[in-house]
C-alpha atoms as a PDB file:
ATOM      1  CA  MET A   1     -22.631  29.467 -28.008  1.00  0.00           C
ATOM      2  CA  LYS A   2     -20.935  32.097 -25.823  1.00  0.00           C
ATOM      3  CA  LYS A   3     -23.440  31.457 -23.042  1.00  0.00           C
ATOM      4  CA  ALA A   4     -22.679  27.725 -23.057  1.00  0.00           C
ATOM      5  CA  ILE A   5     -18.951  28.425 -23.091  1.00  0.00           C
ATOM      6  CA  GLY A   6     -19.393  30.862 -20.210  1.00  0.00           C
ATOM      7  CA  ILE A   7     -21.211  28.217 -18.176  1.00  0.00           C
ATOM      8  CA  LEU A   8     -18.457  25.722 -18.965  1.00  0.00           C
ATOM      9  CA  MET A   9     -15.852  28.240 -17.834  1.00  0.00           C
ATOM     10  CA  VAL A  10     -17.619  28.917 -14.521  1.00  0.00           C
ATOM     11  CA  THR A  11     -17.944  25.182 -13.905  1.00  0.00           C
ATOM     12  CA  MET A  12     -14.288  24.535 -14.679  1.00  0.00           C
ATOM     13  CA  PHE A  13     -13.164  27.501 -12.603  1.00  0.00           C
ATOM     14  CA  SER A  14     -15.169  26.416  -9.553  1.00  0.00           C
ATOM     15  CA  PHE A  15     -13.937  22.812  -9.943  1.00  0.00           C
ATOM     16  CA  ILE A  16     -10.358  24.015  -9.872  1.00  0.00           C
ATOM     17  CA  CYS A  17     -10.923  26.361  -6.934  1.00  0.00           C
ATOM     18  CA  ALA A  18     -12.813  23.737  -4.927  1.00  0.00           C
ATOM     19  CA  ASN A  19      -9.943  21.282  -4.877  1.00  0.00           C
ATOM     20  CA  SER A  20      -8.209  22.604  -1.774  1.00  0.00           C
ATOM     21  CA  ALA A  21      -5.759  19.686  -1.574  1.00  0.00           C
ATOM     22  CA  MET A  22      -3.851  21.146  -4.498  1.00  0.00           C
ATOM     23  CA  ALA A  23      -2.534  24.289  -2.893  1.00  0.00           C
ATOM     24  CA  GLY A  24       0.453  26.339  -3.911  1.00  0.00           C
ATOM     25  CA  LYS A  25       1.910  27.490  -7.185  1.00  0.00           C
ATOM     26  CA  ILE A  26       0.372  24.721  -9.284  1.00  0.00           C
ATOM     27  CA  LYS A  27      -3.167  25.541  -8.175  1.00  0.00           C
ATOM     28  CA  ASN A  28      -2.640  29.284  -8.450  1.00  0.00           C
ATOM     29  CA  ARG A  29      -1.246  28.897 -11.929  1.00  0.00           C
ATOM     30  CA  GLN A  30      -4.239  26.837 -13.044  1.00  0.00           C
ATOM     31  CA  VAL A  31      -6.598  29.489 -11.688  1.00  0.00           C
ATOM     32  CA  ASN A  32      -4.643  32.234 -13.489  1.00  0.00           C
ATOM     33  CA  GLN A  33      -4.810  30.321 -16.752  1.00  0.00           C
ATOM     34  CA  GLN A  34      -8.582  29.975 -16.386  1.00  0.00           C
ATOM     35  CA  LYS A  35      -8.803  33.739 -15.801  1.00  0.00           C
ATOM     36  CA  ARG A  36      -6.760  34.390 -18.953  1.00  0.00           C
ATOM     37  CA  ILE A  37      -9.053  32.146 -20.999  1.00  0.00           C
ATOM     38  CA  HIS A  38     -12.114  33.821 -19.491  1.00  0.00           C
ATOM     39  CA  GLN A  39     -10.686  37.249 -20.346  1.00  0.00           C
ATOM     40  CA  GLY A  40     -10.075  36.052 -23.915  1.00  0.00           C
ATOM     41  CA  ILE A  41     -13.725  35.037 -24.216  1.00  0.00           C
ATOM     42  CA  HIS A  42     -14.966  38.423 -23.039  1.00  0.00           C
ATOM     43  CA  SER A  43     -12.590  40.368 -25.242  1.00  0.00           C
ATOM     44  CA  GLY A  44     -13.423  38.268 -28.300  1.00  0.00           C
ATOM     45  CA  GLU A  45      -9.781  37.270 -28.769  1.00  0.00           C
ATOM     46  CA  LEU A  46     -10.661  33.569 -28.713  1.00  0.00           C
ATOM     47  CA  THR A  47     -12.943  31.697 -31.091  1.00  0.00           C
ATOM     48  CA  GLY A  48     -15.274  28.915 -30.000  1.00  0.00           C
ATOM     49  CA  ARG A  49     -12.936  26.234 -31.319  1.00  0.00           C
ATOM     50  CA  GLU A  50      -9.948  27.810 -29.556  1.00  0.00           C
ATOM     51  CA  ILE A  51     -11.867  27.968 -26.292  1.00  0.00           C
ATOM     52  CA  LYS A  52     -12.893  24.334 -26.615  1.00  0.00           C
ATOM     53  CA  ASN A  53      -9.283  23.251 -27.225  1.00  0.00           C
ATOM     54  CA  LEU A  54      -7.934  25.322 -24.335  1.00  0.00           C
ATOM     55  CA  GLU A  55     -10.590  23.945 -21.981  1.00  0.00           C
ATOM     56  CA  LYS A  56      -9.756  20.372 -23.022  1.00  0.00           C
ATOM     57  CA  GLU A  57      -6.123  21.101 -22.255  1.00  0.00           C
ATOM     58  CA  GLN A  58      -7.017  22.525 -18.842  1.00  0.00           C
ATOM     59  CA  LEU A  59      -9.131  19.453 -18.110  1.00  0.00           C
ATOM     60  CA  ARG A  60      -6.193  17.166 -19.000  1.00  0.00           C
ATOM     61  CA  ILE A  61      -3.987  19.109 -16.586  1.00  0.00           C
ATOM     62  CA  GLN A  62      -6.661  18.824 -13.903  1.00  0.00           C
ATOM     63  CA  LYS A  63      -6.887  15.043 -14.413  1.00  0.00           C
ATOM     64  CA  THR A  64      -3.092  14.730 -14.248  1.00  0.00           C
ATOM     65  CA  LYS A  65      -3.135  16.762 -11.052  1.00  0.00           C
ATOM     66  CA  LYS A  66      -5.835  14.573  -9.537  1.00  0.00           C
ATOM     67  CA  ARG A  67      -3.882  11.411 -10.371  1.00  0.00           C
ATOM     68  CA  ALA A  68      -0.672  12.907  -9.003  1.00  0.00           C
ATOM     69  CA  TRP A  69      -2.312  13.817  -5.700  1.00  0.00           C
ATOM     70  CA  SER A  70      -4.201  10.505  -5.402  1.00  0.00           C
ATOM     71  CA  ASP A  71      -1.619   9.157  -2.954  1.00  0.00           C
ATOM     72  CA  GLY A  72      -1.613  12.360  -0.918  1.00  0.00           C
ATOM     73  CA  THR A  73       1.766  13.626  -2.088  1.00  0.00           C
ATOM     74  CA  LEU A  74       3.227  15.214  -5.171  1.00  0.00           C
ATOM     75  CA  SER A  75       6.561  13.725  -6.173  1.00  0.00           C
ATOM     76  CA  PRO A  76       9.239  15.859  -7.853  1.00  0.00           C
ATOM     77  CA  LYS A  77       8.616  13.963 -11.111  1.00  0.00           C
ATOM     78  CA  GLU A  78       4.849  14.644 -10.912  1.00  0.00           C
ATOM     79  CA  ARG A  79       5.496  18.289 -10.078  1.00  0.00           C
ATOM     80  CA  LEU A  80       7.800  18.592 -13.086  1.00  0.00           C
ATOM     81  CA  GLN A  81       5.222  16.972 -15.359  1.00  0.00           C
ATOM     82  CA  LEU A  82       2.512  19.377 -14.164  1.00  0.00           C
ATOM     83  CA  LYS A  83       4.838  22.346 -14.606  1.00  0.00           C
ATOM     84  CA  TYR A  84       5.594  21.232 -18.164  1.00  0.00           C
ATOM     85  CA  GLN A  85       1.895  20.835 -18.968  1.00  0.00           C
ATOM     86  CA  GLN A  86       1.106  24.240 -17.479  1.00  0.00           C
ATOM     87  CA  ASP A  87       3.971  25.901 -19.380  1.00  0.00           C
ATOM     88  CA  LYS A  88       2.677  24.408 -22.600  1.00  0.00           C
ATOM     89  CA  ALA A  89      -0.903  25.493 -21.826  1.00  0.00           C
ATOM     90  CA  SER A  90       0.249  29.003 -20.982  1.00  0.00           C
ATOM     91  CA  ASN A  91       2.003  29.264 -24.337  1.00  0.00           C
ATOM     92  CA  HIS A  92      -1.126  28.010 -26.114  1.00  0.00           C
ATOM     93  CA  ILE A  93      -3.286  30.594 -24.354  1.00  0.00           C
ATOM     94  CA  TYR A  94      -0.905  33.399 -25.277  1.00  0.00           C
ATOM     95  CA  ARG A  95      -0.560  32.283 -28.880  1.00  0.00           C
ATOM     96  CA  LEU A  96      -4.314  31.907 -29.413  1.00  0.00           C
ATOM     97  CA  LYS A  97      -5.132  35.228 -27.748  1.00  0.00           C
ATOM     98  CA  HIS A  98      -2.625  37.001 -29.989  1.00  0.00           C
ATOM     99  CA  ASN A  99      -3.290  35.315 -33.320  1.00  0.00           C
ATOM    100  CA  ASN A 100      -5.703  37.980 -34.593  1.00  0.00           C
ATOM    101  CA  LEU A 101      -3.394  38.613 -37.544  1.00  0.00           C
ATOM    102  CA  GLU A 102      -4.082  35.089 -38.791  1.00  0.00           C
ATOM    103  CA  ARG A 103      -7.873  35.506 -38.879  1.00  0.00           C
END
Protein backbone atom coordinates (compact mmCIF):
# COMPACT_ATOMS: atom_id res chain seq x y z
CA MET A 1 0.00 0.00 0.00
CA LYS A 2 2.77 2.46 0.94
CA LYS A 3 4.65 1.61 -2.25
CA ALA A 4 1.60 2.39 -4.39
CA ILE A 5 1.01 5.62 -2.50
CA GLY A 6 4.67 6.54 -2.95
CA ILE A 7 4.40 6.00 -6.70
CA LEU A 8 1.24 8.11 -6.77
CA MET A 9 3.04 10.86 -4.87
CA VAL A 10 6.02 10.88 -7.26
CA THR A 11 3.65 11.01 -10.24
CA MET A 12 1.63 13.86 -8.77
CA PHE A 13 4.76 15.75 -7.75
CA SER A 14 6.32 15.49 -11.22
CA PHE A 15 3.01 16.49 -12.85
CA ILE A 16 2.90 19.63 -10.75
CA CYS A 17 6.56 20.47 -11.35
CA ALA A 18 6.31 19.86 -15.10
CA ASN A 19 3.64 22.47 -15.65
CA SER A 20 5.95 25.44 -16.15
CA ALA A 21 3.14 27.77 -17.26
CA MET A 22 1.97 28.00 -13.67
CA ALA A 23 4.90 29.83 -12.16
CA GLY A 24 4.97 31.90 -9.01
CA LYS A 25 3.49 31.57 -5.57
CA ILE A 26 0.62 29.30 -6.60
CA LYS A 27 2.93 26.70 -8.13
CA ASN A 28 5.44 26.92 -5.30
CA ARG A 29 2.70 26.48 -2.75
CA GLN A 30 1.37 23.39 -4.51
CA VAL A 31 4.86 21.89 -4.55
CA ASN A 32 5.31 22.65 -0.83
CA GLN A 33 2.00 21.00 -0.02
CA GLN A 34 3.06 17.88 -1.92
CA LYS A 35 6.31 17.85 0.08
CA ARG A 36 4.35 18.11 3.34
CA ILE A 37 2.14 15.19 2.34
CA HIS A 38 5.19 13.17 1.29
CA GLN A 39 6.85 13.91 4.63
CA GLY A 40 3.68 12.77 6.41
CA ILE A 41 3.81 9.46 4.56
CA HIS A 42 7.42 8.83 5.53
CA SER A 43 6.90 9.80 9.15
CA GLY A 44 3.76 7.67 9.45
CA GLU A 45 1.66 10.67 10.49
CA LEU A 46 -0.84 10.03 7.70
CA THR A 47 -2.97 6.95 7.16
CA GLY A 48 -3.75 5.51 3.74
CA ARG A 49 -7.23 7.01 3.73
CA GLU A 50 -5.89 10.43 4.75
CA ILE A 51 -3.29 10.31 1.99
CA LYS A 52 -5.92 9.37 -0.57
CA ASN A 53 -8.16 12.27 0.49
CA LEU A 54 -5.30 14.78 0.47
CA GLU A 55 -4.18 13.62 -2.98
CA LYS A 56 -7.73 13.96 -4.32
CA GLU A 57 -7.80 17.49 -2.96
CA GLN A 58 -4.46 18.30 -4.60
CA LEU A 59 -5.73 16.89 -7.89
CA ARG A 60 -8.84 19.11 -7.69
CA ILE A 61 -6.61 22.14 -7.16
CA GLN A 62 -4.47 21.10 -10.11
CA LYS A 63 -7.55 20.77 -12.34
CA THR A 64 -8.81 24.19 -11.22
CA LYS A 65 -5.39 25.62 -11.99
CA LYS A 66 -5.36 24.04 -15.44
CA ARG A 67 -8.81 25.45 -16.22
CA ALA A 68 -7.82 28.88 -14.92
CA TRP A 69 -4.72 29.00 -17.10
CA SER A 70 -6.49 27.58 -20.18
CA ASP A 71 -6.83 31.06 -21.68
CA GLY A 72 -3.22 31.95 -20.91
CA THR A 73 -3.95 34.31 -18.03
CA LEU A 74 -4.98 34.07 -14.43
CA SER A 75 -7.68 36.55 -13.48
CA PRO A 76 -7.84 38.03 -9.97
CA LYS A 77 -10.99 35.98 -9.32
CA GLU A 78 -9.26 32.75 -10.43
CA ARG A 79 -6.21 33.61 -8.34
CA LEU A 80 -8.42 34.18 -5.31
CA GLN A 81 -10.21 30.88 -5.86
CA LEU A 82 -6.90 29.00 -6.10
CA LYS A 83 -5.60 30.73 -2.98
CA TYR A 84 -8.75 29.73 -1.10
CA GLN A 85 -8.43 26.11 -2.24
CA GLN A 86 -4.76 26.03 -1.28
CA ASP A 87 -5.46 27.58 2.14
CA LYS A 88 -8.09 24.94 2.77
CA ALA A 89 -5.77 22.14 1.62
CA SER A 90 -2.96 23.45 3.80
CA ASN A 91 -5.25 23.37 6.83
CA HIS A 92 -6.32 19.81 5.98
CA ILE A 93 -2.70 18.68 5.70
CA TYR A 94 -1.82 20.24 9.05
CA ARG A 95 -4.88 18.85 10.80
CA LEU A 96 -4.37 15.32 9.48
CA LYS A 97 -0.65 15.29 10.25
CA HIS A 98 -1.36 16.36 13.83
CA ASN A 99 -4.39 14.24 14.65
CA ASN A 100 -2.41 11.43 16.31
CA LEU A 101 -4.34 12.02 19.53
CA GLU A 102 -7.53 10.92 17.77
CA ARG A 103 -6.15 7.55 16.66
